[in-house]
Amino acid sequence: MEYEIVYWPAADDALAGLENDPAMAGVWRAVDRVLGRLAADPFNPRLGTTAFMTPELGGVSATPAGLDNWYIFWQRAPEPGVIEIIQVHPLSL
C-alpha cells in the first residue's frame, strides 16, 4: 500500500529552500529519496525512525535523511493511509 504524503507549511518551506539552493543539492536528493521510502512504508524498521511525544503535537516520528544530520519529522494523519510531514530540519545534539 502506498501512503499519501501531505506537507505542513513549514515542511513545504524547508523543502523549497533545499530544492532551490544548489549548495544543498545532496541534502535535497537524500531527503527526496527518504520521502519516497516513507510513502512506500513509513513503518519499515530499516528507515531508522524514532518516535516520541510532544505536548503540542502528540506522537511525532523522526526519520533520518542519511546525510548531515537532516531529519524528516512526520506523524500519522487522521485519515488512514496518509502521513503528514511536519518539518525537514537538521538536528544538532
N, C-alpha and C. Protein backbone atom coordinates (compact mmCIF):
# COMPACT_ATOMS: atom_id res chain seq x y z
N MET A 1 0.85 -1.18 0.00
CA MET A 1 0.00 0.00 0.00
C MET A 1 0.89 1.24 0.00
N GLU A 2 0.68 2.11 -0.92
CA GLU A 2 1.40 3.38 -1.00
C GLU A 2 0.68 4.40 -0.10
N TYR A 3 1.44 5.08 0.73
CA TYR A 3 0.89 6.11 1.60
C TYR A 3 0.88 7.45 0.89
N GLU A 4 -0.16 8.22 1.11
CA GLU A 4 -0.20 9.59 0.62
C GLU A 4 0.58 10.46 1.60
N ILE A 5 1.35 11.39 1.09
CA ILE A 5 2.10 12.31 1.94
C ILE A 5 1.54 13.71 1.75
N VAL A 6 1.21 14.36 2.86
CA VAL A 6 0.80 15.76 2.84
C VAL A 6 1.82 16.55 3.66
N TYR A 7 1.97 17.81 3.33
CA TYR A 7 3.02 18.63 3.92
C TYR A 7 2.44 19.81 4.69
N TRP A 8 2.95 20.01 5.89
CA TRP A 8 2.63 21.21 6.64
C TRP A 8 3.36 22.38 5.98
N PRO A 9 2.90 23.61 6.16
CA PRO A 9 3.58 24.76 5.54
C PRO A 9 5.07 24.86 5.87
N ALA A 10 5.45 24.58 7.11
CA ALA A 10 6.87 24.65 7.48
C ALA A 10 7.70 23.63 6.70
N ALA A 11 7.15 22.45 6.47
CA ALA A 11 7.85 21.43 5.69
C ALA A 11 7.95 21.85 4.23
N ASP A 12 6.86 22.41 3.69
CA ASP A 12 6.89 22.92 2.32
C ASP A 12 7.99 23.96 2.15
N ASP A 13 8.07 24.88 3.10
CA ASP A 13 9.09 25.94 3.03
C ASP A 13 10.50 25.35 3.10
N ALA A 14 10.71 24.39 4.00
CA ALA A 14 12.03 23.78 4.14
C ALA A 14 12.42 23.03 2.87
N LEU A 15 11.48 22.29 2.30
CA LEU A 15 11.77 21.54 1.08
C LEU A 15 12.05 22.48 -0.10
N ALA A 16 11.29 23.56 -0.21
CA ALA A 16 11.54 24.53 -1.27
C ALA A 16 12.92 25.16 -1.12
N GLY A 17 13.31 25.46 0.12
CA GLY A 17 14.63 26.02 0.37
C GLY A 17 15.74 25.07 -0.04
N LEU A 18 15.58 23.79 0.26
CA LEU A 18 16.58 22.79 -0.13
C LEU A 18 16.64 22.63 -1.65
N GLU A 19 15.48 22.58 -2.25
CA GLU A 19 15.42 22.34 -3.70
C GLU A 19 16.00 23.51 -4.49
N ASN A 20 15.84 24.72 -3.98
CA ASN A 20 16.28 25.92 -4.71
C ASN A 20 17.69 26.37 -4.37
N ASP A 21 18.38 25.67 -3.48
CA ASP A 21 19.73 26.05 -3.09
C ASP A 21 20.72 25.03 -3.68
N PRO A 22 21.48 25.42 -4.70
CA PRO A 22 22.41 24.46 -5.31
C PRO A 22 23.40 23.85 -4.32
N ALA A 23 23.75 24.58 -3.27
CA ALA A 23 24.68 24.06 -2.28
C ALA A 23 24.07 22.93 -1.45
N MET A 24 22.75 22.82 -1.47
CA MET A 24 22.05 21.80 -0.68
C MET A 24 21.53 20.66 -1.55
N ALA A 25 22.06 20.54 -2.77
CA ALA A 25 21.56 19.52 -3.71
C ALA A 25 21.68 18.11 -3.14
N GLY A 26 22.78 17.82 -2.45
CA GLY A 26 22.95 16.49 -1.87
C GLY A 26 21.93 16.20 -0.78
N VAL A 27 21.66 17.19 0.04
CA VAL A 27 20.65 17.03 1.10
C VAL A 27 19.28 16.85 0.46
N TRP A 28 18.98 17.65 -0.56
CA TRP A 28 17.69 17.55 -1.24
C TRP A 28 17.49 16.14 -1.80
N ARG A 29 18.51 15.59 -2.46
CA ARG A 29 18.39 14.23 -3.01
C ARG A 29 18.17 13.20 -1.91
N ALA A 30 18.89 13.33 -0.80
CA ALA A 30 18.74 12.39 0.32
C ALA A 30 17.33 12.47 0.91
N VAL A 31 16.85 13.69 1.12
CA VAL A 31 15.50 13.87 1.68
C VAL A 31 14.46 13.33 0.71
N ASP A 32 14.60 13.63 -0.57
CA ASP A 32 13.64 13.15 -1.57
C ASP A 32 13.60 11.63 -1.60
N ARG A 33 14.77 11.00 -1.52
CA ARG A 33 14.85 9.52 -1.51
C ARG A 33 14.10 8.95 -0.30
N VAL A 34 14.31 9.55 0.88
CA VAL A 34 13.65 9.05 2.08
C VAL A 34 12.14 9.32 2.04
N LEU A 35 11.73 10.43 1.46
CA LEU A 35 10.29 10.68 1.31
C LEU A 35 9.64 9.59 0.46
N GLY A 36 10.33 9.14 -0.56
CA GLY A 36 9.82 8.03 -1.37
C GLY A 36 9.71 6.75 -0.56
N ARG A 37 10.68 6.51 0.28
CA ARG A 37 10.64 5.32 1.13
C ARG A 37 9.54 5.42 2.19
N LEU A 38 9.31 6.63 2.70
CA LEU A 38 8.21 6.83 3.65
C LEU A 38 6.87 6.57 2.98
N ALA A 39 6.74 7.00 1.74
CA ALA A 39 5.49 6.77 1.01
C ALA A 39 5.25 5.27 0.80
N ALA A 40 6.33 4.53 0.58
CA ALA A 40 6.20 3.09 0.36
C ALA A 40 5.83 2.35 1.64
N ASP A 41 6.48 2.69 2.76
CA ASP A 41 6.21 2.04 4.05
C ASP A 41 6.84 2.86 5.17
N PRO A 42 6.08 3.80 5.76
CA PRO A 42 6.66 4.65 6.80
C PRO A 42 7.04 3.90 8.07
N PHE A 43 6.60 2.67 8.21
CA PHE A 43 6.87 1.91 9.44
C PHE A 43 7.94 0.85 9.26
N ASN A 44 8.66 0.91 8.15
CA ASN A 44 9.74 -0.03 7.89
C ASN A 44 10.88 0.24 8.89
N PRO A 45 11.27 -0.74 9.69
CA PRO A 45 12.31 -0.51 10.69
C PRO A 45 13.66 -0.11 10.09
N ARG A 46 13.90 -0.45 8.83
CA ARG A 46 15.18 -0.09 8.21
C ARG A 46 15.32 1.42 7.97
N LEU A 47 14.25 2.18 8.11
CA LEU A 47 14.33 3.63 7.96
C LEU A 47 15.02 4.29 9.16
N GLY A 48 15.08 3.60 10.29
CA GLY A 48 15.73 4.16 11.48
C GLY A 48 14.92 5.23 12.17
N THR A 49 13.63 5.17 12.04
CA THR A 49 12.73 6.17 12.61
C THR A 49 12.67 6.05 14.13
N THR A 50 12.65 7.20 14.79
CA THR A 50 12.47 7.29 16.23
C THR A 50 11.14 7.99 16.49
N ALA A 51 10.32 7.42 17.34
CA ALA A 51 9.03 8.03 17.70
C ALA A 51 9.14 8.65 19.09
N PHE A 52 8.46 9.78 19.27
CA PHE A 52 8.44 10.45 20.56
C PHE A 52 7.15 11.25 20.69
N MET A 53 6.89 11.74 21.89
CA MET A 53 5.68 12.52 22.17
C MET A 53 6.06 13.97 22.46
N THR A 54 5.21 14.89 21.98
CA THR A 54 5.37 16.29 22.33
C THR A 54 4.05 16.80 22.90
N PRO A 55 4.09 17.78 23.79
CA PRO A 55 2.84 18.32 24.32
C PRO A 55 1.99 18.98 23.24
N GLU A 56 2.63 19.62 22.28
CA GLU A 56 1.88 20.36 21.26
C GLU A 56 1.33 19.47 20.15
N LEU A 57 2.10 18.46 19.74
CA LEU A 57 1.74 17.69 18.56
C LEU A 57 1.35 16.25 18.83
N GLY A 58 1.59 15.77 20.04
CA GLY A 58 1.33 14.37 20.33
C GLY A 58 2.43 13.51 19.77
N GLY A 59 2.08 12.41 19.12
CA GLY A 59 3.07 11.48 18.59
C GLY A 59 3.73 12.01 17.32
N VAL A 60 5.04 12.05 17.33
CA VAL A 60 5.83 12.52 16.19
C VAL A 60 6.91 11.47 15.92
N SER A 61 7.23 11.29 14.66
CA SER A 61 8.32 10.40 14.28
C SER A 61 9.40 11.21 13.58
N ALA A 62 10.65 10.84 13.81
CA ALA A 62 11.79 11.49 13.18
C ALA A 62 12.57 10.43 12.40
N THR A 63 12.66 10.62 11.10
CA THR A 63 13.36 9.68 10.23
C THR A 63 14.60 10.37 9.68
N PRO A 64 15.78 9.78 9.86
CA PRO A 64 17.00 10.41 9.34
C PRO A 64 17.02 10.37 7.81
N ALA A 65 17.50 11.48 7.23
CA ALA A 65 17.65 11.55 5.77
C ALA A 65 18.92 10.85 5.32
N GLY A 66 19.81 10.57 6.26
CA GLY A 66 21.04 9.86 5.92
C GLY A 66 22.17 10.76 5.47
N LEU A 67 22.04 12.06 5.68
CA LEU A 67 23.08 12.99 5.27
C LEU A 67 23.10 14.19 6.21
N ASP A 68 24.23 14.46 6.79
CA ASP A 68 24.47 15.68 7.57
C ASP A 68 23.44 15.94 8.68
N ASN A 69 23.00 14.92 9.36
CA ASN A 69 22.07 15.06 10.49
C ASN A 69 20.72 15.68 10.13
N TRP A 70 20.30 15.57 8.88
CA TRP A 70 18.97 16.05 8.48
C TRP A 70 17.93 14.99 8.82
N TYR A 71 16.79 15.45 9.30
CA TYR A 71 15.69 14.56 9.69
C TYR A 71 14.38 15.04 9.07
N ILE A 72 13.52 14.08 8.84
CA ILE A 72 12.16 14.35 8.39
C ILE A 72 11.26 14.04 9.58
N PHE A 73 10.52 15.04 10.03
CA PHE A 73 9.60 14.89 11.16
C PHE A 73 8.20 14.72 10.60
N TRP A 74 7.52 13.67 11.04
CA TRP A 74 6.21 13.36 10.49
C TRP A 74 5.31 12.71 11.54
N GLN A 75 4.03 12.63 11.20
CA GLN A 75 3.08 11.92 12.05
C GLN A 75 1.97 11.35 11.18
N ARG A 76 1.26 10.42 11.76
CA ARG A 76 0.10 9.85 11.07
C ARG A 76 -0.98 10.92 10.97
N ALA A 77 -1.66 10.94 9.84
CA ALA A 77 -2.81 11.83 9.67
C ALA A 77 -4.04 11.13 10.24
N PRO A 78 -5.09 11.89 10.51
CA PRO A 78 -6.32 11.24 10.99
C PRO A 78 -6.91 10.25 9.98
N GLU A 79 -6.67 10.50 8.69
CA GLU A 79 -7.18 9.61 7.66
C GLU A 79 -6.24 8.40 7.50
N PRO A 80 -6.77 7.22 7.27
CA PRO A 80 -5.90 6.06 7.06
C PRO A 80 -5.12 6.21 5.75
N GLY A 81 -3.87 5.71 5.76
CA GLY A 81 -3.06 5.72 4.56
C GLY A 81 -2.43 7.06 4.23
N VAL A 82 -2.42 7.97 5.21
CA VAL A 82 -1.86 9.31 4.99
C VAL A 82 -0.88 9.62 6.11
N ILE A 83 0.29 10.17 5.75
CA ILE A 83 1.19 10.71 6.76
C ILE A 83 1.43 12.18 6.46
N GLU A 84 1.64 12.94 7.53
CA GLU A 84 1.86 14.38 7.41
C GLU A 84 3.32 14.68 7.71
N ILE A 85 3.98 15.36 6.79
CA ILE A 85 5.36 15.80 7.01
C ILE A 85 5.27 17.14 7.73
N ILE A 86 5.78 17.17 8.95
CA ILE A 86 5.70 18.36 9.80
C ILE A 86 6.83 19.32 9.48
N GLN A 87 8.05 18.79 9.37
CA GLN A 87 9.23 19.65 9.19
C GLN A 87 10.37 18.80 8.64
N VAL A 88 11.28 19.44 7.94
CA VAL A 88 12.53 18.85 7.50
C VAL A 88 13.61 19.76 8.00
N HIS A 89 14.49 19.22 8.86
CA HIS A 89 15.42 20.11 9.56
C HIS A 89 16.64 19.31 10.03
N PRO A 90 17.82 19.97 10.11
CA PRO A 90 18.97 19.28 10.69
C PRO A 90 18.90 19.29 12.21
N LEU A 91 19.38 18.25 12.82
CA LEU A 91 19.44 18.16 14.28
C LEU A 91 20.87 18.22 14.74
N SER A 92 21.16 19.07 15.69
CA SER A 92 22.48 19.13 16.30
C SER A 92 22.34 18.68 17.75
N LEU A 93 23.07 17.67 18.11
CA LEU A 93 23.00 17.17 19.50
C LEU A 93 24.20 17.59 20.28
